[in-house]
Protein backbone atom coordinates (compact mmCIF):
# COMPACT_ATOMS: atom_id res chain seq x y z
CA MET A 1 -13.44 14.46 -5.58
CA SER A 2 -12.89 12.85 -8.96
CA SER A 3 -15.97 11.93 -10.91
CA GLU A 4 -15.04 8.22 -10.78
CA LEU A 5 -14.71 8.36 -7.01
CA GLY A 6 -17.96 10.31 -6.77
CA VAL A 7 -19.82 7.72 -8.84
CA ALA A 8 -18.35 4.87 -6.81
CA LEU A 9 -19.23 6.56 -3.54
CA ALA A 10 -22.79 7.28 -4.64
CA ARG A 11 -23.31 3.68 -5.74
CA ALA A 12 -21.71 2.37 -2.56
CA VAL A 13 -23.93 4.58 -0.40
CA ARG A 14 -27.04 3.32 -2.15
CA ALA A 15 -25.92 -0.31 -1.92
CA GLU A 16 -24.89 -0.07 1.73
CA ARG A 17 -28.10 1.72 2.67
CA ALA A 18 -30.10 -1.05 1.02
CA ARG A 19 -27.98 -3.75 2.70
CA ALA A 20 -28.57 -2.10 6.06
CA GLY A 21 -32.31 -1.94 5.38
CA LEU A 22 -32.37 1.83 5.85
CA THR A 23 -34.47 4.39 4.02
CA GLN A 24 -33.06 7.64 2.74
CA ALA A 25 -35.07 9.36 5.46
CA GLN A 26 -33.46 7.24 8.17
CA VAL A 27 -29.94 7.94 6.91
CA GLY A 28 -30.77 11.62 6.59
CA GLU A 29 -32.17 11.73 10.12
CA ARG A 30 -29.00 10.12 11.48
CA MET A 31 -26.96 12.78 9.68
CA GLY A 32 -29.25 15.67 10.51
CA VAL A 33 -30.14 16.32 6.86
CA ASP A 34 -33.27 15.88 4.78
CA ALA A 35 -33.97 12.63 2.92
CA SER A 36 -33.74 14.59 -0.33
CA THR A 37 -30.06 15.23 0.43
CA ILE A 38 -29.39 11.49 0.56
CA SER A 39 -31.38 11.02 -2.63
CA GLN A 40 -29.34 13.72 -4.35
CA ILE A 41 -26.08 12.10 -3.19
CA GLU A 42 -27.16 8.70 -4.50
CA ARG A 43 -28.25 10.20 -7.85
CA LEU A 44 -25.05 12.28 -8.17
CA ALA A 45 -27.11 15.46 -8.13
CA ARG A 46 -25.09 16.61 -5.11
CA ARG A 47 -21.54 15.96 -4.00
CA VAL A 48 -20.65 14.52 -0.63
CA TYR A 49 -18.49 17.09 1.11
CA MET A 50 -15.42 15.76 2.87
CA ASP A 51 -16.67 16.90 6.27
CA GLU A 52 -19.86 14.86 5.70
CA VAL A 53 -18.08 11.59 4.96
CA PRO A 54 -17.59 10.55 8.61
CA GLU A 55 -21.23 11.33 9.43
CA LEU A 56 -22.43 9.47 6.36
CA CYS A 57 -20.35 6.41 7.21
CA GLU A 58 -21.55 6.48 10.81
CA ALA A 59 -25.17 6.79 9.66
CA LEU A 60 -24.66 3.72 7.49
CA GLY A 61 -22.78 1.85 10.23
CA THR A 62 -19.59 1.45 8.22
CA THR A 63 -16.21 3.03 7.55
CA LEU A 64 -15.11 4.79 4.38
CA ALA A 65 -12.69 1.96 3.60
CA ASP A 66 -15.42 -0.65 3.99
CA LEU A 67 -17.89 1.46 2.06
CA LEU A 68 -15.56 1.80 -0.92
CA ALA A 69 -14.60 -1.87 -0.66
CA LYS A 70 -18.30 -2.67 -1.08
CA ALA A 71 -18.62 -0.45 -4.14
CA PRO A 72 -19.68 -2.34 -7.25
CA THR A 73 -16.73 -4.21 -8.74
CA ASP A 74 -16.57 -2.15 -11.93
CA ASP A 75 -16.24 1.07 -9.89
CA ARG A 76 -13.46 -0.36 -7.72
CA HIS A 77 -11.59 -1.49 -10.81
CA ARG A 78 -11.74 1.96 -12.44
CA MET A 79 -10.48 3.57 -9.21
CA GLY A 80 -7.62 1.09 -8.87
CA LEU A 81 -8.94 -0.37 -5.60
């Protein structure tokens, strides 16, 4: 995953989680991972593996396309979205 895409995804995860009113612990529980994993993803301390993307999107109640569409505007612009 490119660093620009990784940054956009991390920011989008954080924003979508906040929009959904979910804690990191709640998202982690839905994915079967610890809250610290979600924190690390949001802080770019850990990558999101491709096989985790569907679970992450489901935990947030969104799709990858919608998640990236909701990424902050400056991130979408840099990625050409």
